[in-house]
Amino acid sequence: MATKKLWGGRFQEQAAAWVDAFGASISFDQLMAEEDIEGSLAHVKMLQQTGIVPSEDCDQIIAGLEGIQKDLEAGQIEFDVANEDIHMNIESILTQRIGPVAGKLHTARSRNDQVATDFHLYLKKRLPKVIDEITTIQTTLVTLAEQNVETIMPGYTHLQHAQPISYGHYLMGYYQMFKRDKERFAFNEVHTDISPLGAAALAGTTFPIDRQMTAETLGFSQVYANSLDAVSDRDFALEFLSNSSILMMHLSRFCEELSMWVSHEFQYLELSDAYTTGSSIMPQKKNPDMAELIRGKSGRVYGHLMGLLATMKSLPLAYNKDLQEDKEGVFDTVKTLLPALKVFNGMLSTVHVKVDNMKHATENDFSNATELADYLAAKGIPFREAHGIVGQLVLKGIQTHQNLQDMSLATLKQASPAIEADVYEDLKSEVAVARRHSEGGTGFDQVRHQIAQAKQDLAQ
């Protein structure tokens, strides 16, 4: 006697409930219920238009699906693990409501192209939301940068004071990272905007289907050119996880610096109370917990990327049950990424910049040493020689507790007779920053140019 599964015609034994539970995906793929119904509606309307299924039967199926759709929106649909996945659950509910005619819905379709279609639709809807959130962050960065073009801070290499820079320049550096993120997600949209529907199990179908019609109905710009590829491709999901990992890395780097800049040791910034927390034992604490959480959640997203790459690495064409493991990581990444972007923008848009502290940090160090080396090089001294001269002055300054700009002219001349009184102007941190006019540099004119270009890009 056949089992009661919709696919159970050739089976004689019933699996134990715990085996069914292991194989079921309804606990998570119910997140694609809306997309599954949309895909089914497009499919049945195509079956009706092409005459593959009688029109009156299609009308019944359409009415039944629309009823389920309405109840789903109202939160009145319950799913059953016995029906394995979202596709079988929806079909089972449809059968309960309209009878055996519901079985005609699966004509010229497999769960293989059905799930791929649902997954494409799910991600296709969410990619624009990610791009919008990135754009919001870029806008905030530009606004903050414009306010801080002439705010001077130490620039770092190896987390050591390197050269003074504009804080606006620093912010625009991150703007460029997010710009690349947005470009990657936009390209991800291209590969997500392809319809697998009509590929059936793997080889297409003998029925005279119209794949272009279902693609157009669902808002896809094209269809997969190869049915094997259509049901087995998860590149679009891997691209999403890869892009999300890179984006989370950028957020994490920024949050790492936020966490440092607000510390007692730096005191460059202060975060709003709305994005910080206190301690249960230490009354004075104001912890950058939201920044730390975003930094921590980056590892979670990386894990999902590694997981899907490992799942995909040995799969033969075409569909394999392993592909059931493709969704949870993507769903969780969506759930992680969108709030992280929103919280990050909230932190950034409410941050208080301690302008004086930033500038003071560039006046009690040797970050103007390169200025002195450049000064000597401009007077004809080979840069390597100039580098050595300034290195000796830095050593002397460390030993005598003097910064370069605090040394007497006589002391400086002992190191090199080429040094004149005009050197003190060049050693000022704001002058050091302003003079860097090279394209893409930290000079105030260059930072304003970057901001103007960014505004133009965002306006488009």
Protein backbone atom coordinates (compact mmCIF):
# COMPACT_ATOMS: atom_id res chain seq x y z
CA MET A 1 0.00 0.00 0.00
CA ALA A 2 1.38 3.41 -1.00
CA THR A 3 2.30 5.95 1.67
CA LYS A 4 0.24 9.12 2.13
CA LYS A 5 2.99 11.43 0.87
CA LEU A 6 2.13 13.45 -2.23
CA TRP A 7 5.13 11.80 -3.86
CA GLY A 8 4.53 8.38 -2.22
CA GLY A 9 3.17 6.29 -5.08
CA ARG A 10 6.14 3.95 -5.36
CA PHE A 11 6.82 3.70 -1.60
CA GLN A 12 5.53 0.89 0.61
CA GLU A 13 7.04 1.82 3.97
CA GLN A 14 6.29 4.89 6.02
CA ALA A 15 9.25 6.71 7.58
CA ALA A 16 9.23 7.27 11.31
CA ALA A 17 8.08 10.70 12.44
CA TRP A 18 11.56 11.60 13.63
CA VAL A 19 12.99 10.77 10.21
CA ASP A 20 10.36 12.97 8.56
CA ALA A 21 11.24 15.74 10.98
CA PHE A 22 14.92 15.44 10.06
CA GLY A 23 14.13 15.74 6.37
CA ALA A 24 11.59 18.54 6.70
CA SER A 25 12.37 22.19 6.00
CA ILE A 26 9.04 23.82 6.85
CA SER A 27 10.47 25.21 10.10
CA PHE A 28 12.47 27.71 8.07
CA ASP A 29 11.32 27.72 4.45
CA GLN A 30 7.90 28.95 5.57
CA LEU A 31 9.60 32.34 5.32
CA MET A 32 9.11 31.93 1.57
CA ALA A 33 5.35 31.24 1.82
CA GLU A 34 4.48 34.53 0.14
CA GLU A 35 6.90 33.85 -2.70
CA ASP A 36 5.68 30.26 -3.08
CA ILE A 37 2.11 31.40 -3.61
CA GLU A 38 3.22 34.12 -6.03
CA GLY A 39 5.15 31.55 -8.03
CA SER A 40 2.20 29.16 -8.08
CA LEU A 41 -0.17 31.89 -9.22
CA ALA A 42 2.15 32.80 -12.09
CA HIS A 43 2.47 29.14 -13.03
CA VAL A 44 -1.25 28.35 -13.03
CA LYS A 45 -2.06 31.48 -15.03
CA MET A 46 0.45 30.31 -17.61
CA LEU A 47 -1.12 26.81 -17.61
CA GLN A 48 -4.46 28.49 -18.27
CA GLN A 49 -3.16 30.81 -20.98
CA THR A 50 -1.43 27.98 -22.85
CA GLY A 51 -4.41 25.62 -22.53
CA ILE A 52 -2.36 22.98 -20.73
CA VAL A 53 -4.95 22.84 -17.92
CA PRO A 54 -8.66 23.60 -18.53
CA SER A 55 -9.54 27.20 -17.81
CA GLU A 56 -12.26 26.38 -15.27
CA ASP A 57 -9.82 24.22 -13.28
CA CYS A 58 -7.27 27.03 -13.30
CA ASP A 59 -9.92 29.47 -12.05
CA GLN A 60 -10.55 27.17 -9.08
CA ILE A 61 -6.85 26.90 -8.35
CA ILE A 62 -6.34 30.66 -8.63
CA ALA A 63 -9.24 31.37 -6.28
CA GLY A 64 -7.92 28.80 -3.82
CA LEU A 65 -4.39 30.23 -3.87
CA GLU A 66 -5.66 33.78 -3.46
CA GLY A 67 -7.68 32.63 -0.47
CA ILE A 68 -4.59 31.06 1.11
CA GLN A 69 -2.64 34.23 0.31
CA LYS A 70 -5.21 36.34 2.11
CA ASP A 71 -5.24 34.05 5.14
CA LEU A 72 -1.44 34.00 5.20
CA GLU A 73 -1.35 37.80 5.37
CA ALA A 74 -3.83 37.63 8.26
CA GLY A 75 -1.67 35.10 10.09
CA GLN A 76 -4.30 32.39 9.89
CA ILE A 77 -2.30 29.65 8.15
CA GLU A 78 -0.71 26.82 10.13
CA PHE A 79 1.94 24.58 8.63
CA ASP A 80 2.49 20.88 9.30
CA VAL A 81 5.92 19.24 9.50
CA ALA A 82 4.34 16.09 8.01
CA ASN A 83 4.11 17.99 4.71
CA GLU A 84 7.87 18.56 4.73
CA ASP A 85 8.30 21.94 3.07
CA ILE A 86 6.48 25.12 2.15
CA HIS A 87 5.57 23.81 -1.32
CA MET A 88 3.85 20.65 -0.09
CA ASN A 89 2.21 22.55 2.76
CA ILE A 90 0.64 25.07 0.40
CA GLU A 91 -0.46 22.33 -2.01
CA SER A 92 -1.91 20.29 0.86
CA ILE A 93 -3.89 23.28 2.14
CA LEU A 94 -5.06 23.99 -1.41
CA THR A 95 -6.19 20.37 -1.79
CA GLN A 96 -8.15 20.56 1.46
CA ARG A 97 -9.94 23.66 0.17
CA ILE A 98 -10.69 22.84 -3.49
CA GLY A 99 -10.22 19.09 -3.74
CA PRO A 100 -8.25 16.91 -6.19
CA VAL A 101 -8.19 19.60 -8.88
CA ALA A 102 -5.41 21.18 -6.80
CA GLY A 103 -3.14 18.41 -8.07
CA LYS A 104 -3.21 19.96 -11.55
CA LEU A 105 -1.19 22.90 -10.23
CA HIS A 106 1.95 20.79 -10.32
CA THR A 107 1.61 20.07 -14.05
CA ALA A 108 4.86 20.90 -15.86
CA ARG A 109 6.56 21.85 -12.62
CA SER A 110 8.87 20.21 -10.07
CA ARG A 111 9.72 21.21 -6.55
CA ASN A 112 13.24 21.70 -7.91
CA ASP A 113 12.36 24.69 -10.10
CA GLN A 114 9.68 25.74 -7.62
CA VAL A 115 12.07 26.14 -4.68
CA ALA A 116 14.67 27.83 -6.86
CA THR A 117 12.02 30.31 -8.01
CA ASP A 118 10.89 30.99 -4.45
CA PHE A 119 14.49 31.56 -3.35
CA HIS A 120 15.19 33.95 -6.22
CA LEU A 121 12.02 35.90 -5.44
CA TYR A 122 12.85 36.06 -1.73
CA LEU A 123 16.30 37.53 -2.34
CA LYS A 124 15.14 39.71 -5.23
CA LYS A 125 12.78 41.52 -2.84
CA ARG A 126 15.40 42.05 -0.16
CA LEU A 127 18.42 43.18 -2.15
CA PRO A 128 16.93 46.66 -2.79
CA LYS A 129 16.40 47.03 0.97
CA VAL A 130 20.08 46.31 1.61
CA ILE A 131 21.11 48.78 -1.09
CA ASP A 132 18.80 51.44 0.37
CA GLU A 133 20.31 51.01 3.84
CA ILE A 134 23.83 51.33 2.42
CA THR A 135 22.78 54.51 0.60
CA THR A 136 21.45 55.92 3.87
CA ILE A 137 24.81 55.27 5.54
CA GLN A 138 26.65 56.88 2.62
CA THR A 139 24.45 59.96 2.93
CA THR A 140 25.19 60.19 6.64
CA LEU A 141 28.93 59.84 5.97
CA VAL A 142 28.85 62.64 3.41
CA THR A 143 26.95 64.92 5.80
CA LEU A 144 29.37 64.22 8.64
CA ALA A 145 32.39 64.58 6.36
CA GLU A 146 31.15 67.94 5.08
CA GLN A 147 30.94 69.16 8.67
CA ASN A 148 34.48 67.98 9.39
CA VAL A 149 36.56 68.78 6.33
CA GLU A 150 38.94 70.88 8.44
CA THR A 151 38.76 68.74 11.57
CA ILE A 152 42.30 67.44 12.09
CA MET A 153 43.02 63.99 13.50
CA PRO A 154 45.95 61.58 13.53
CA GLY A 155 46.10 59.21 10.61
CA TYR A 156 47.32 55.76 11.59
CA THR A 157 49.39 52.94 10.16
CA HIS A 158 50.06 49.91 12.38
CA LEU A 159 47.82 51.76 14.88
CA GLN A 160 50.69 54.23 15.39
CA HIS A 161 50.44 57.95 14.69
CA ALA A 162 51.50 58.32 11.06
CA GLN A 163 50.46 61.66 9.55
CA PRO A 164 47.73 64.18 10.36
CA ILE A 165 44.63 63.87 8.19
CA SER A 166 41.21 65.43 7.82
CA TYR A 167 38.48 63.58 9.75
CA GLY A 168 36.31 64.26 6.72
CA HIS A 169 38.89 62.40 4.63
CA TYR A 170 38.73 59.47 7.05
CA LEU A 171 34.93 59.33 6.72
CA MET A 172 35.09 59.51 2.93
CA GLY A 173 37.43 56.52 2.99
CA TYR A 174 34.58 54.48 4.43
CA TYR A 175 32.19 56.07 1.94
CA GLN A 176 34.26 54.49 -0.83
CA MET A 177 34.10 51.08 0.86
CA PHE A 178 30.31 51.26 1.06
CA LYS A 179 30.18 52.43 -2.54
CA ARG A 180 31.89 49.22 -3.61
CA ASP A 181 29.52 47.24 -1.39
CA LYS A 182 26.56 48.81 -3.13
CA GLU A 183 28.03 48.02 -6.55
CA ARG A 184 28.48 44.37 -5.53
CA PHE A 185 24.87 44.07 -4.37
CA ALA A 186 23.67 45.74 -7.57
CA PHE A 187 25.54 43.09 -9.56
CA ASN A 188 24.03 40.47 -7.27
CA GLU A 189 20.62 41.72 -8.41
CA VAL A 190 21.50 40.83 -12.01
CA HIS A 191 22.08 37.17 -11.15
CA THR A 192 19.08 37.04 -8.84
CA ASP A 193 16.77 38.49 -11.48
CA ILE A 194 16.62 35.24 -13.49
CA SER A 195 13.66 32.87 -13.49
CA PRO A 196 14.23 29.11 -13.00
CA LEU A 197 10.50 28.37 -13.34
CA GLY A 198 9.80 25.95 -16.16
CA ALA A 199 13.06 24.03 -15.82
CA ALA A 200 11.01 21.37 -14.00
CA ALA A 201 13.07 18.68 -12.28
CA LEU A 202 16.18 19.14 -14.43
CA ALA A 203 15.36 18.52 -18.11
CA GLY A 204 12.50 20.87 -18.89
CA THR A 205 9.04 19.52 -19.82
CA THR A 206 7.11 18.11 -22.74
CA PHE A 207 4.23 20.52 -22.10
CA PRO A 208 4.08 23.67 -24.28
CA ILE A 209 4.82 26.05 -21.40
CA ASP A 210 5.61 29.74 -21.77
CA ARG A 211 8.58 30.53 -19.54
CA GLN A 212 8.74 34.12 -20.70
CA MET A 213 5.18 34.66 -19.52
CA THR A 214 5.84 33.37 -15.99
CA ALA A 215 9.09 35.35 -15.82
CA GLU A 216 7.30 38.54 -16.81
CA THR A 217 4.46 37.88 -14.38
CA LEU A 218 6.93 37.45 -11.52
CA GLY A 219 9.01 40.47 -12.52
CA PHE A 220 12.10 38.60 -13.71
CA SER A 221 14.05 40.18 -16.54
CA GLN A 222 15.17 36.87 -18.06
CA VAL A 223 15.00 33.08 -17.73
CA TYR A 224 17.76 30.56 -17.18
CA ALA A 225 19.09 29.37 -20.53
CA ASN A 226 19.84 25.86 -19.25
CA SER A 227 17.43 23.75 -17.19
CA LEU A 228 20.20 21.89 -15.34
CA ASP A 229 21.75 25.17 -14.26
CA ALA A 230 18.37 26.61 -13.37
CA VAL A 231 17.59 24.08 -10.64
CA SER A 232 21.11 23.72 -9.25
CA ASP A 233 22.51 27.25 -9.36
CA ARG A 234 23.01 28.94 -6.02
CA ASP A 235 25.61 31.46 -7.16
CA PHE A 236 23.17 34.26 -6.47
CA ALA A 237 22.92 33.14 -2.83
CA LEU A 238 26.69 32.74 -2.55
CA GLU A 239 27.14 36.23 -4.01
CA PHE A 240 24.72 37.59 -1.44
CA LEU A 241 26.58 35.91 1.42
CA SER A 242 29.96 36.98 0.03
CA ASN A 243 28.81 40.56 -0.46
CA SER A 244 27.25 40.57 3.00
CA SER A 245 30.47 39.25 4.51
CA ILE A 246 32.50 42.03 2.91
CA LEU A 247 29.93 44.61 3.99
CA MET A 248 29.94 43.28 7.56
CA MET A 249 33.75 43.40 7.49
CA HIS A 250 33.58 47.10 6.60
CA LEU A 251 31.04 47.74 9.35
CA SER A 252 33.18 45.76 11.77
CA ARG A 253 36.30 47.77 10.97
CA PHE A 254 34.42 51.02 11.48
CA CYS A 255 32.90 49.73 14.72
CA GLU A 256 36.32 48.66 15.96
CA GLU A 257 37.52 52.23 15.49
CA LEU A 258 34.38 53.68 17.04
CA SER A 259 35.00 51.51 20.09
CA MET A 260 38.56 52.84 20.31
CA TRP A 261 37.78 56.47 19.54
CA VAL A 262 35.23 56.69 22.37
CA SER A 263 37.58 55.15 24.94
CA HIS A 264 39.29 57.16 27.68
CA GLU A 265 42.63 56.65 25.94
CA PHE A 266 41.48 58.42 22.75
CA GLN A 267 38.38 60.52 23.54
CA TYR A 268 37.93 61.52 19.90
CA LEU A 269 34.20 60.77 19.80
CA GLU A 270 31.22 60.24 22.06
CA LEU A 271 28.33 57.98 21.14
CA SER A 272 24.74 58.84 21.95
CA ASP A 273 23.25 57.25 25.05
CA ALA A 274 20.69 55.68 22.72
CA TYR A 275 23.38 53.40 21.25
CA THR A 276 25.34 52.56 24.40
CA THR A 277 24.71 50.62 27.60
CA GLY A 278 25.86 50.68 31.21
CA SER A 279 27.36 48.15 33.57
CA SER A 280 25.51 46.16 36.21
CA ILE A 281 28.35 46.78 38.68
CA MET A 282 30.39 49.79 37.49
CA PRO A 283 28.27 52.97 37.62
CA GLN A 284 30.63 55.03 35.47
CA LYS A 285 30.57 52.77 32.41
CA LYS A 286 29.19 53.80 29.03
CA ASN A 287 29.82 50.83 26.75
CA PRO A 288 29.71 50.92 22.92
CA ASP A 289 27.68 47.69 22.91
CA MET A 290 25.92 48.26 19.59
CA ALA A 291 29.25 48.80 17.84
CA GLU A 292 30.64 45.69 19.52
CA LEU A 293 27.60 43.63 18.53
CA ILE A 294 27.90 44.63 14.89
CA ARG A 295 31.58 43.70 15.05
CA GLY A 296 30.69 40.37 16.63
CA LYS A 297 27.93 39.54 14.17
CA SER A 298 30.36 39.75 11.26
CA GLY A 299 31.64 36.31 12.21
CA ARG A 300 28.12 34.93 12.08
CA VAL A 301 27.74 36.08 8.47
CA TYR A 302 31.18 34.75 7.50
CA GLY A 303 30.09 31.38 8.88
CA HIS A 304 27.04 31.27 6.64
CA LEU A 305 29.19 31.96 3.58
CA MET A 306 31.65 29.22 4.51
CA GLY A 307 28.78 26.83 5.22
CA LEU A 308 27.15 27.25 1.81
CA LEU A 309 30.48 27.07 -0.03
CA ALA A 310 31.18 23.78 1.75
CA THR A 311 27.68 22.50 0.90
CA MET A 312 28.08 23.36 -2.78
CA LYS A 313 31.64 22.22 -3.35
CA SER A 314 30.95 18.57 -4.28
CA LEU A 315 27.43 18.62 -5.67
CA PRO A 316 26.95 16.91 -9.04
CA LEU A 317 24.37 18.27 -11.46
CA ALA A 318 21.56 18.80 -11.02
CA TYR A 319 19.43 19.07 -7.85
CA ASN A 320 20.47 17.36 -4.59
CA LYS A 321 18.81 17.38 -1.18
CA ASP A 322 21.93 19.10 0.15
CA LEU A 323 20.50 22.27 -1.39
CA GLN A 324 17.90 22.32 1.37
CA GLU A 325 20.79 23.71 3.45
CA ASP A 326 21.09 26.81 1.27
CA LYS A 327 18.40 28.91 2.89
CA GLU A 328 18.84 29.20 6.64
CA GLY A 329 22.17 31.00 6.32
CA VAL A 330 20.71 33.45 3.83
CA PHE A 331 17.60 34.04 5.96
CA ASP A 332 19.73 34.63 9.05
CA THR A 333 22.07 36.94 7.14
CA VAL A 334 19.12 39.06 6.01
CA LYS A 335 17.89 39.14 9.61
CA THR A 336 21.37 40.14 10.80
CA LEU A 337 22.41 42.55 8.07
CA LEU A 338 19.41 44.87 7.78
CA PRO A 339 19.20 45.71 11.53
CA ALA A 340 23.00 46.05 11.72
CA LEU A 341 22.95 48.63 8.92
CA LYS A 342 20.11 50.53 10.56
CA VAL A 343 21.75 50.56 14.00
CA PHE A 344 25.09 51.58 12.51
CA ASN A 345 23.55 54.54 10.74
CA GLY A 346 21.82 55.56 13.97
CA MET A 347 25.14 55.53 15.82
CA LEU A 348 26.92 57.44 13.12
CA SER A 349 24.26 60.11 12.65
CA THR A 350 24.22 60.93 16.38
CA VAL A 351 27.95 60.78 17.14
CA HIS A 352 29.59 63.78 18.83
CA VAL A 353 33.00 64.69 17.40
CA LYS A 354 35.51 66.05 19.93
CA VAL A 355 37.33 68.31 17.51
CA ASP A 356 39.84 69.77 19.99
CA ASN A 357 40.89 66.36 21.30
CA MET A 358 41.50 65.10 17.79
CA LYS A 359 43.66 68.06 16.85
CA HIS A 360 45.56 68.03 20.15
CA ALA A 361 46.53 64.42 19.46
CA THR A 362 48.42 65.64 16.35
CA GLU A 363 50.30 68.35 18.28
CA ASN A 364 51.94 66.16 20.87
CA ASP A 365 53.55 63.55 18.63
CA PHE A 366 55.90 63.22 15.67
CA SER A 367 53.25 62.80 12.98
CA ASN A 368 54.66 65.91 11.26
CA ALA A 369 58.03 64.20 10.69
CA THR A 370 57.19 63.49 7.04
CA GLU A 371 56.50 67.22 6.60
CA LEU A 372 60.05 68.01 7.66
CA ALA A 373 61.46 65.32 5.36
CA ASP A 374 59.41 66.69 2.45
CA TYR A 375 60.57 70.22 3.36
CA LEU A 376 64.20 69.14 3.03
CA ALA A 377 63.51 67.15 -0.16
CA ALA A 378 61.92 70.25 -1.69
CA LYS A 379 65.20 72.07 -1.02
CA GLY A 380 67.10 69.53 -3.11
CA ILE A 381 68.24 67.10 -0.46
CA PRO A 382 67.69 63.47 -1.59
CA PHE A 383 64.65 62.11 0.24
CA ARG A 384 66.56 59.16 1.71
CA GLU A 385 69.08 61.59 3.20
CA ALA A 386 66.27 63.84 4.43
CA HIS A 387 64.60 60.80 6.01
CA GLY A 388 67.77 60.05 7.97
CA ILE A 389 68.17 63.65 9.14
CA VAL A 390 64.62 63.80 10.42
CA GLY A 391 64.95 60.37 12.03
CA GLN A 392 67.88 61.69 14.07
CA LEU A 393 65.82 64.73 15.10
CA VAL A 394 62.94 62.48 16.18
CA LEU A 395 65.34 60.44 18.30
CA LYS A 396 66.67 63.64 19.85
CA GLY A 397 63.12 64.79 20.53
CA ILE A 398 62.26 61.52 22.27
CA GLN A 399 65.36 61.83 24.44
CA THR A 400 64.73 65.49 25.32
CA HIS A 401 60.91 65.28 25.46
CA GLN A 402 60.48 67.81 22.66
CA ASN A 403 58.32 67.68 19.56
CA LEU A 404 59.80 68.85 16.26
CA GLN A 405 57.85 72.10 16.24
CA ASP A 406 59.09 72.87 19.77
CA MET A 407 62.80 72.60 18.90
CA SER A 408 64.75 75.79 18.41
CA LEU A 409 65.83 76.82 14.94
CA ALA A 410 69.44 76.44 16.03
CA THR A 411 68.81 72.82 17.01
CA LEU A 412 67.11 72.12 13.70
CA LYS A 413 69.95 73.79 11.77
CA GLN A 414 72.49 71.61 13.52
CA ALA A 415 70.77 68.68 11.83
CA SER A 416 70.60 70.45 8.45
CA PRO A 417 71.68 73.99 7.51
CA ALA A 418 68.94 73.95 4.85
CA ILE A 419 66.26 74.39 7.52
CA GLU A 420 64.98 77.98 7.83
CA ALA A 421 62.42 79.72 10.03
CA ASP A 422 59.65 79.02 7.53
CA VAL A 423 59.74 75.35 8.54
CA TYR A 424 57.56 76.04 11.57
CA GLU A 425 54.61 76.87 9.34
CA ASP A 426 54.98 73.57 7.51
CA LEU A 427 55.12 71.68 10.81
CA LYS A 428 51.65 72.82 11.85
CA SER A 429 49.23 69.91 11.57
CA GLU A 430 46.51 71.89 9.80
CA VAL A 431 49.04 73.13 7.24
CA ALA A 432 50.38 69.62 6.77
CA VAL A 433 46.86 68.44 5.92
CA ALA A 434 45.85 71.40 3.78
CA ARG A 435 48.98 71.15 1.59
CA ARG A 436 48.24 67.61 0.43
CA HIS A 437 46.62 68.54 -2.87
CA SER A 438 47.41 65.31 -4.73
CA GLU A 439 44.36 63.64 -6.24
CA GLY A 440 42.53 61.61 -3.60
CA GLY A 441 44.67 63.10 -0.82
CA THR A 442 43.65 64.54 2.53
CA GLY A 443 44.00 68.19 1.49
CA PHE A 444 40.89 70.18 2.27
CA ASP A 445 40.29 70.94 -1.42
CA GLN A 446 40.56 67.24 -2.28
CA VAL A 447 38.18 66.21 0.49
CA ARG A 448 35.65 68.77 -0.71
CA HIS A 449 36.06 67.37 -4.21
CA GLN A 450 35.38 63.85 -2.91
CA ILE A 451 32.27 65.09 -1.13
CA ALA A 452 31.00 66.88 -4.23
CA GLN A 453 31.52 63.75 -6.33
CA ALA A 454 29.77 61.62 -3.70
CA LYS A 455 26.78 63.94 -3.67
CA GLN A 456 26.59 63.67 -7.44
CA ASP A 457 26.74 59.86 -7.26
CA LEU A 458 24.05 59.71 -4.58
CA ALA A 459 21.79 62.04 -6.55
CA GLN A 460 21.85 59.57 -9.44
